[in-house]
Amino acid sequence: MKSFIYDDSGQGLVEYALIVALVSLVAIAALQLLGQKANNSLSNAATDLS
């Protein structure tokens, strides 16, 4: 049981998984923010043209 507690062989994989999760959350938030602004800009341009 002691060797199981002190075994850190999966530590790197967990760290990479956390980094990927954090980067994807930031990317999703940025795309949602920029997507809304792009939608508003296109809607304004369509309104101006009509």
C-alpha atoms as a PDB file:
ATOM      1  CA  MET A   1       0.000   0.000   0.000  1.00  0.00           C
ATOM      2  CA  LYS A   2       2.903   2.332   0.758  1.00  0.00           C
ATOM      3  CA  SER A   3       4.316   1.971  -2.740  1.00  0.00           C
ATOM      4  CA  PHE A   4       0.901   2.848  -4.223  1.00  0.00           C
ATOM      5  CA  ILE A   5       0.718   6.091  -2.217  1.00  0.00           C
ATOM      6  CA  TYR A   6       4.205   7.219  -3.235  1.00  0.00           C
ATOM      7  CA  ASP A   7       3.891   6.146  -6.874  1.00  0.00           C
ATOM      8  CA  ASP A   8       3.909   9.267  -9.087  1.00  0.00           C
ATOM      9  CA  SER A   9       4.117   7.644 -12.511  1.00  0.00           C
ATOM     10  CA  GLY A  10       0.765   9.081 -13.670  1.00  0.00           C
ATOM     11  CA  GLN A  11       1.466  12.580 -12.411  1.00  0.00           C
ATOM     12  CA  GLY A  12       2.665  13.948 -15.755  1.00  0.00           C
ATOM     13  CA  LEU A  13      -0.401  12.695 -17.591  1.00  0.00           C
ATOM     14  CA  VAL A  14      -2.714  14.333 -15.058  1.00  0.00           C
ATOM     15  CA  GLU A  15      -0.840  17.626 -15.332  1.00  0.00           C
ATOM     16  CA  TYR A  16      -1.084  17.597 -19.126  1.00  0.00           C
ATOM     17  CA  ALA A  17      -4.791  16.770 -18.915  1.00  0.00           C
ATOM     18  CA  LEU A  18      -5.365  19.723 -16.578  1.00  0.00           C
ATOM     19  CA  ILE A  19      -3.458  22.061 -18.885  1.00  0.00           C
ATOM     20  CA  VAL A  20      -5.464  20.889 -21.911  1.00  0.00           C
ATOM     21  CA  ALA A  21      -8.716  21.344 -19.987  1.00  0.00           C
ATOM     22  CA  LEU A  22      -7.766  24.867 -18.921  1.00  0.00           C
ATOM     23  CA  VAL A  23      -6.676  25.906 -22.420  1.00  0.00           C
ATOM     24  CA  SER A  24      -9.870  24.536 -23.945  1.00  0.00           C
ATOM     25  CA  LEU A  25     -12.020  26.402 -21.406  1.00  0.00           C
ATOM     26  CA  VAL A  26     -10.239  29.658 -22.226  1.00  0.00           C
ATOM     27  CA  ALA A  27     -10.615  28.993 -25.966  1.00  0.00           C
ATOM     28  CA  ILE A  28     -14.336  28.284 -25.630  1.00  0.00           C
ATOM     29  CA  ALA A  29     -14.884  31.454 -23.607  1.00  0.00           C
ATOM     30  CA  ALA A  30     -12.950  33.545 -26.140  1.00  0.00           C
ATOM     31  CA  LEU A  31     -14.858  32.065 -29.077  1.00  0.00           C
ATOM     32  CA  GLN A  32     -18.179  32.750 -27.404  1.00  0.00           C
ATOM     33  CA  LEU A  33     -17.219  36.353 -26.705  1.00  0.00           C
ATOM     34  CA  LEU A  34     -15.825  36.982 -30.183  1.00  0.00           C
ATOM     35  CA  GLY A  35     -18.652  35.067 -31.818  1.00  0.00           C
ATOM     36  CA  GLN A  36     -21.243  37.342 -30.260  1.00  0.00           C
ATOM     37  CA  LYS A  37     -19.356  40.461 -31.352  1.00  0.00           C
ATOM     38  CA  ALA A  38     -19.015  39.115 -34.899  1.00  0.00           C
ATOM     39  CA  ASN A  39     -22.722  38.320 -34.992  1.00  0.00           C
ATOM     40  CA  ASN A  40     -23.567  41.847 -33.848  1.00  0.00           C
ATOM     41  CA  SER A  41     -21.264  43.380 -36.463  1.00  0.00           C
ATOM     42  CA  LEU A  42     -22.784  41.313 -39.264  1.00  0.00           C
ATOM     43  CA  SER A  43     -26.292  42.162 -38.093  1.00  0.00           C
ATOM     44  CA  ASN A  44     -25.454  45.874 -38.083  1.00  0.00           C
ATOM     45  CA  ALA A  45     -23.960  45.644 -41.571  1.00  0.00           C
ATOM     46  CA  ALA A  46     -27.066  43.828 -42.854  1.00  0.00           C
ATOM     47  CA  THR A  47     -29.311  46.470 -41.296  1.00  0.00           C
ATOM     48  CA  ASP A  48     -27.291  49.278 -42.877  1.00  0.00           C
ATOM     49  CA  LEU A  49     -27.474  47.643 -46.311  1.00  0.00           C
ATOM     50  CA  SER A  50     -31.233  47.130 -46.225  1.00  0.00           C
END
